[in-house]
Amino acid sequence: MGFFSHFMGAISGRDAVDLPQDARLIDVRSHTEFMSGHIDGAFNLPLDRFNHDIHRVVPDKNTPVILYCRSGARSGHALSVMRQLGYQQAFNGGSVGTLALKMNKDIRRGA
């Protein structure tokens, strides 16, 4: 794992096997980006609303959560926020396409 992906907490390679399959998927991209293609079953919580709304979307801090975005940078920022707030099982899944492949999930367009 390279420095950047390690720093951002992105899931890669062998770590992907350890992703909790029952995790709550949260897409931190804008609503427009989300509608253009998101992982089936994901919830959209744009990064600009993340601090304000994460406790409503995931009230239990022990709930497994996988965050993703276009490249993994915004989801890395969201992961830092979650850790500061005391969430125990949060992961940076990286990019939408890579995470969908790793989790064997479809990408859905629209609502």
N, C-alpha and C. Protein backbone atom coordinates (compact mmCIF):
# COMPACT_ATOMS: atom_id res chain seq x y z
N MET A 1 0.85 -1.17 0.00
CA MET A 1 0.00 0.00 0.00
C MET A 1 0.89 1.22 0.00
N GLY A 2 0.65 2.16 -0.91
CA GLY A 2 1.44 3.38 -1.00
C GLY A 2 1.16 4.34 0.14
N PHE A 3 2.02 5.33 0.27
CA PHE A 3 1.88 6.31 1.34
C PHE A 3 0.52 7.00 1.30
N PHE A 4 0.11 7.48 0.12
CA PHE A 4 -1.14 8.22 0.02
C PHE A 4 -2.33 7.36 0.43
N SER A 5 -2.41 6.14 -0.10
CA SER A 5 -3.56 5.30 0.24
C SER A 5 -3.52 4.89 1.70
N HIS A 6 -2.32 4.72 2.26
CA HIS A 6 -2.22 4.39 3.68
C HIS A 6 -2.68 5.59 4.52
N PHE A 7 -2.24 6.79 4.16
CA PHE A 7 -2.60 7.99 4.90
C PHE A 7 -4.11 8.22 4.84
N MET A 8 -4.70 8.01 3.69
CA MET A 8 -6.12 8.25 3.52
C MET A 8 -6.96 7.08 4.04
N GLY A 9 -6.34 5.97 4.35
CA GLY A 9 -7.07 4.83 4.87
C GLY A 9 -7.82 4.05 3.81
N ALA A 10 -7.44 4.18 2.56
CA ALA A 10 -8.16 3.50 1.48
C ALA A 10 -7.94 2.00 1.54
N ILE A 11 -8.97 1.27 1.17
CA ILE A 11 -8.91 -0.18 1.12
C ILE A 11 -8.26 -0.59 -0.19
N SER A 12 -7.30 -1.49 -0.12
CA SER A 12 -6.68 -1.97 -1.35
C SER A 12 -6.19 -3.39 -1.17
N GLY A 13 -6.02 -4.08 -2.28
CA GLY A 13 -5.43 -5.41 -2.29
C GLY A 13 -6.09 -6.36 -1.31
N ARG A 14 -5.29 -6.99 -0.46
CA ARG A 14 -5.77 -8.00 0.47
C ARG A 14 -6.75 -7.46 1.49
N ASP A 15 -6.69 -6.14 1.80
CA ASP A 15 -7.59 -5.55 2.78
C ASP A 15 -9.04 -5.62 2.32
N ALA A 16 -9.27 -5.68 1.03
CA ALA A 16 -10.63 -5.70 0.51
C ALA A 16 -11.39 -6.92 1.00
N VAL A 17 -10.71 -8.02 1.25
CA VAL A 17 -11.34 -9.23 1.74
C VAL A 17 -11.96 -8.99 3.11
N ASP A 18 -11.38 -8.08 3.88
CA ASP A 18 -11.84 -7.81 5.24
C ASP A 18 -12.98 -6.81 5.32
N LEU A 19 -13.46 -6.32 4.18
CA LEU A 19 -14.57 -5.37 4.21
C LEU A 19 -15.82 -6.06 4.73
N PRO A 20 -16.49 -5.45 5.69
CA PRO A 20 -17.73 -6.06 6.19
C PRO A 20 -18.82 -5.98 5.13
N GLN A 21 -19.34 -7.10 4.72
CA GLN A 21 -20.35 -7.15 3.66
C GLN A 21 -21.67 -6.51 4.09
N ASP A 22 -21.91 -6.42 5.39
CA ASP A 22 -23.15 -5.84 5.90
C ASP A 22 -23.00 -4.36 6.25
N ALA A 23 -21.90 -3.75 5.85
CA ALA A 23 -21.62 -2.35 6.19
C ALA A 23 -22.59 -1.41 5.49
N ARG A 24 -22.80 -0.29 6.12
CA ARG A 24 -23.58 0.80 5.52
C ARG A 24 -22.67 1.51 4.53
N LEU A 25 -23.08 1.59 3.27
CA LEU A 25 -22.30 2.27 2.24
C LEU A 25 -22.73 3.73 2.16
N ILE A 26 -21.75 4.63 2.27
CA ILE A 26 -22.05 6.06 2.19
C ILE A 26 -21.19 6.68 1.10
N ASP A 27 -21.88 7.28 0.14
CA ASP A 27 -21.25 8.00 -0.97
C ASP A 27 -21.18 9.47 -0.56
N VAL A 28 -19.96 10.02 -0.45
CA VAL A 28 -19.80 11.39 0.02
C VAL A 28 -19.69 12.41 -1.12
N ARG A 29 -19.98 11.99 -2.34
CA ARG A 29 -19.97 12.92 -3.49
C ARG A 29 -21.22 13.77 -3.49
N SER A 30 -21.26 14.75 -4.37
CA SER A 30 -22.44 15.61 -4.51
C SER A 30 -23.63 14.78 -5.00
N HIS A 31 -24.82 15.33 -4.84
CA HIS A 31 -26.02 14.64 -5.29
C HIS A 31 -25.97 14.37 -6.79
N THR A 32 -25.47 15.32 -7.57
CA THR A 32 -25.37 15.15 -9.02
C THR A 32 -24.43 14.00 -9.37
N GLU A 33 -23.29 13.93 -8.69
CA GLU A 33 -22.35 12.83 -8.93
C GLU A 33 -22.99 11.50 -8.53
N PHE A 34 -23.67 11.48 -7.40
CA PHE A 34 -24.34 10.28 -6.92
C PHE A 34 -25.34 9.77 -7.95
N MET A 35 -26.15 10.68 -8.51
CA MET A 35 -27.16 10.29 -9.48
C MET A 35 -26.55 9.79 -10.78
N SER A 36 -25.32 10.22 -11.08
CA SER A 36 -24.67 9.77 -12.32
C SER A 36 -24.17 8.34 -12.22
N GLY A 37 -24.09 7.79 -11.04
CA GLY A 37 -23.68 6.40 -10.85
C GLY A 37 -23.20 6.17 -9.44
N HIS A 38 -23.92 5.32 -8.69
CA HIS A 38 -23.56 4.99 -7.31
C HIS A 38 -23.72 3.50 -7.07
N ILE A 39 -23.09 3.01 -6.04
CA ILE A 39 -23.19 1.60 -5.71
C ILE A 39 -24.60 1.31 -5.21
N ASP A 40 -25.19 0.26 -5.75
CA ASP A 40 -26.54 -0.13 -5.37
C ASP A 40 -26.63 -0.28 -3.85
N GLY A 41 -27.59 0.40 -3.25
CA GLY A 41 -27.80 0.32 -1.81
C GLY A 41 -27.09 1.39 -1.01
N ALA A 42 -26.30 2.24 -1.67
CA ALA A 42 -25.55 3.28 -0.97
C ALA A 42 -26.46 4.45 -0.60
N PHE A 43 -26.07 5.14 0.45
CA PHE A 43 -26.74 6.35 0.90
C PHE A 43 -25.87 7.53 0.51
N ASN A 44 -26.47 8.60 0.02
CA ASN A 44 -25.71 9.79 -0.37
C ASN A 44 -25.68 10.79 0.77
N LEU A 45 -24.49 11.10 1.25
CA LEU A 45 -24.28 12.13 2.27
C LEU A 45 -23.09 12.96 1.81
N PRO A 46 -23.37 14.03 1.04
CA PRO A 46 -22.28 14.85 0.50
C PRO A 46 -21.36 15.38 1.59
N LEU A 47 -20.10 15.48 1.26
CA LEU A 47 -19.08 15.89 2.23
C LEU A 47 -19.42 17.23 2.88
N ASP A 48 -20.04 18.15 2.14
CA ASP A 48 -20.35 19.45 2.74
C ASP A 48 -21.44 19.38 3.81
N ARG A 49 -22.15 18.26 3.92
CA ARG A 49 -23.17 18.04 4.96
C ARG A 49 -22.75 16.97 5.96
N PHE A 50 -21.59 16.38 5.73
CA PHE A 50 -21.18 15.20 6.48
C PHE A 50 -21.12 15.45 7.99
N ASN A 51 -20.39 16.46 8.42
CA ASN A 51 -20.25 16.73 9.86
C ASN A 51 -21.61 16.93 10.52
N HIS A 52 -22.49 17.60 9.82
CA HIS A 52 -23.80 17.95 10.38
C HIS A 52 -24.74 16.75 10.45
N ASP A 53 -24.68 15.84 9.49
CA ASP A 53 -25.70 14.80 9.36
C ASP A 53 -25.25 13.37 9.64
N ILE A 54 -23.97 13.11 9.83
CA ILE A 54 -23.53 11.71 9.99
C ILE A 54 -24.21 11.04 11.18
N HIS A 55 -24.42 11.76 12.26
CA HIS A 55 -25.04 11.16 13.44
C HIS A 55 -26.50 10.75 13.18
N ARG A 56 -27.15 11.38 12.20
CA ARG A 56 -28.52 10.99 11.84
C ARG A 56 -28.52 9.77 10.94
N VAL A 57 -27.55 9.70 10.04
CA VAL A 57 -27.47 8.60 9.08
C VAL A 57 -26.96 7.33 9.77
N VAL A 58 -26.00 7.49 10.67
CA VAL A 58 -25.42 6.36 11.39
C VAL A 58 -25.38 6.72 12.89
N PRO A 59 -26.49 6.52 13.59
CA PRO A 59 -26.52 6.89 15.01
C PRO A 59 -25.67 6.00 15.91
N ASP A 60 -25.51 4.74 15.56
CA ASP A 60 -24.72 3.80 16.38
C ASP A 60 -23.27 3.83 15.91
N LYS A 61 -22.37 4.26 16.77
CA LYS A 61 -20.97 4.41 16.41
C LYS A 61 -20.24 3.09 16.23
N ASN A 62 -20.90 1.96 16.47
CA ASN A 62 -20.31 0.65 16.22
C ASN A 62 -20.79 0.03 14.92
N THR A 63 -21.65 0.73 14.18
CA THR A 63 -22.14 0.24 12.90
C THR A 63 -21.00 0.25 11.88
N PRO A 64 -20.78 -0.84 11.17
CA PRO A 64 -19.76 -0.83 10.11
C PRO A 64 -20.19 0.10 8.97
N VAL A 65 -19.28 0.97 8.54
CA VAL A 65 -19.55 1.95 7.49
C VAL A 65 -18.39 1.94 6.50
N ILE A 66 -18.73 1.92 5.22
CA ILE A 66 -17.72 2.06 4.17
C ILE A 66 -18.06 3.33 3.40
N LEU A 67 -17.10 4.24 3.37
CA LEU A 67 -17.23 5.52 2.69
C LEU A 67 -16.57 5.43 1.32
N TYR A 68 -17.11 6.12 0.33
CA TYR A 68 -16.45 6.18 -0.97
C TYR A 68 -16.80 7.47 -1.68
N CYS A 69 -16.04 7.77 -2.72
CA CYS A 69 -16.25 8.98 -3.54
C CYS A 69 -15.73 8.68 -4.94
N ARG A 70 -15.21 9.67 -5.62
CA ARG A 70 -14.69 9.45 -6.98
C ARG A 70 -13.29 8.87 -6.94
N SER A 71 -12.45 9.36 -6.02
CA SER A 71 -11.05 8.93 -6.01
C SER A 71 -10.58 8.35 -4.68
N GLY A 72 -11.31 8.63 -3.61
CA GLY A 72 -10.90 8.20 -2.28
C GLY A 72 -10.45 9.36 -1.40
N ALA A 73 -10.25 10.54 -1.97
CA ALA A 73 -9.79 11.69 -1.19
C ALA A 73 -10.89 12.23 -0.27
N ARG A 74 -12.07 12.49 -0.83
CA ARG A 74 -13.17 13.00 0.00
C ARG A 74 -13.61 11.97 1.03
N SER A 75 -13.64 10.70 0.64
CA SER A 75 -14.01 9.67 1.61
C SER A 75 -12.93 9.54 2.69
N GLY A 76 -11.69 9.83 2.36
CA GLY A 76 -10.62 9.85 3.36
C GLY A 76 -10.84 10.96 4.38
N HIS A 77 -11.27 12.11 3.89
CA HIS A 77 -11.59 13.22 4.80
C HIS A 77 -12.76 12.85 5.70
N ALA A 78 -13.80 12.26 5.11
CA ALA A 78 -14.97 11.84 5.89
C ALA A 78 -14.58 10.79 6.93
N LEU A 79 -13.67 9.90 6.57
CA LEU A 79 -13.19 8.89 7.51
C LEU A 79 -12.52 9.55 8.72
N SER A 80 -11.71 10.57 8.47
CA SER A 80 -11.06 11.30 9.56
C SER A 80 -12.10 11.91 10.50
N VAL A 81 -13.15 12.48 9.92
CA VAL A 81 -14.22 13.06 10.73
C VAL A 81 -14.87 11.99 11.59
N MET A 82 -15.19 10.85 10.97
CA MET A 82 -15.84 9.77 11.72
C MET A 82 -14.96 9.28 12.86
N ARG A 83 -13.69 9.13 12.62
CA ARG A 83 -12.78 8.68 13.69
C ARG A 83 -12.72 9.69 14.82
N GLN A 84 -12.70 10.98 14.47
CA GLN A 84 -12.70 12.02 15.50
C GLN A 84 -13.98 12.00 16.32
N LEU A 85 -15.08 11.60 15.71
CA LEU A 85 -16.36 11.52 16.40
C LEU A 85 -16.54 10.21 17.17
N GLY A 86 -15.58 9.30 17.05
CA GLY A 86 -15.62 8.07 17.83
C GLY A 86 -16.23 6.86 17.14
N TYR A 87 -16.43 6.93 15.83
CA TYR A 87 -16.94 5.75 15.11
C TYR A 87 -15.85 4.69 15.07
N GLN A 88 -16.21 3.47 15.39
CA GLN A 88 -15.25 2.39 15.57
C GLN A 88 -14.97 1.56 14.32
N GLN A 89 -15.95 1.45 13.42
CA GLN A 89 -15.81 0.56 12.27
C GLN A 89 -16.06 1.28 10.96
N ALA A 90 -15.30 2.33 10.73
CA ALA A 90 -15.42 3.09 9.48
C ALA A 90 -14.23 2.79 8.59
N PHE A 91 -14.48 2.68 7.30
CA PHE A 91 -13.46 2.33 6.32
C PHE A 91 -13.56 3.26 5.13
N ASN A 92 -12.42 3.57 4.52
CA ASN A 92 -12.40 4.31 3.26
C ASN A 92 -12.34 3.28 2.14
N GLY A 93 -13.44 3.15 1.42
CA GLY A 93 -13.50 2.20 0.32
C GLY A 93 -12.84 2.70 -0.96
N GLY A 94 -12.48 3.99 -0.99
CA GLY A 94 -11.82 4.55 -2.17
C GLY A 94 -12.82 5.01 -3.21
N SER A 95 -12.56 4.66 -4.46
CA SER A 95 -13.41 5.13 -5.56
C SER A 95 -14.63 4.24 -5.76
N VAL A 96 -15.67 4.83 -6.31
CA VAL A 96 -16.93 4.14 -6.55
C VAL A 96 -16.72 2.88 -7.41
N GLY A 97 -15.97 3.00 -8.48
CA GLY A 97 -15.78 1.86 -9.38
C GLY A 97 -14.98 0.74 -8.75
N THR A 98 -13.90 1.09 -8.09
CA THR A 98 -13.06 0.08 -7.45
C THR A 98 -13.81 -0.64 -6.35
N LEU A 99 -14.53 0.13 -5.53
CA LEU A 99 -15.27 -0.48 -4.43
C LEU A 99 -16.38 -1.39 -4.95
N ALA A 100 -17.09 -0.96 -5.98
CA ALA A 100 -18.15 -1.79 -6.55
C ALA A 100 -17.59 -3.13 -7.02
N LEU A 101 -16.43 -3.10 -7.67
CA LEU A 101 -15.80 -4.34 -8.11
C LEU A 101 -15.38 -5.21 -6.93
N LYS A 102 -14.75 -4.61 -5.94
CA LYS A 102 -14.27 -5.37 -4.78
C LYS A 102 -15.41 -6.01 -4.00
N MET A 103 -16.56 -5.32 -3.97
CA MET A 103 -17.69 -5.85 -3.21
C MET A 103 -18.68 -6.62 -4.08
N ASN A 104 -18.36 -6.70 -5.39
CA ASN A 104 -19.23 -7.40 -6.33
C ASN A 104 -20.64 -6.82 -6.31
N LYS A 105 -20.72 -5.50 -6.38
CA LYS A 105 -22.01 -4.80 -6.36
C LYS A 105 -22.19 -4.03 -7.65
N ASP A 106 -23.44 -3.83 -8.04
CA ASP A 106 -23.77 -3.09 -9.26
C ASP A 106 -23.71 -1.59 -9.02
N ILE A 107 -23.44 -0.87 -10.10
CA ILE A 107 -23.53 0.59 -10.08
C ILE A 107 -24.86 0.98 -10.70
N ARG A 108 -25.60 1.79 -9.98
CA ARG A 108 -26.94 2.20 -10.39
C ARG A 108 -26.92 3.68 -10.76
N ARG A 109 -27.63 4.03 -11.79
CA ARG A 109 -27.76 5.43 -12.20
C ARG A 109 -29.16 5.91 -11.83
N GLY A 110 -29.25 7.18 -11.41
CA GLY A 110 -30.54 7.72 -11.01
C GLY A 110 -30.84 7.37 -9.56
N ALA A 111 -32.11 7.48 -9.22
CA ALA A 111 -32.54 7.26 -7.83
C ALA A 111 -32.54 5.81 -7.42
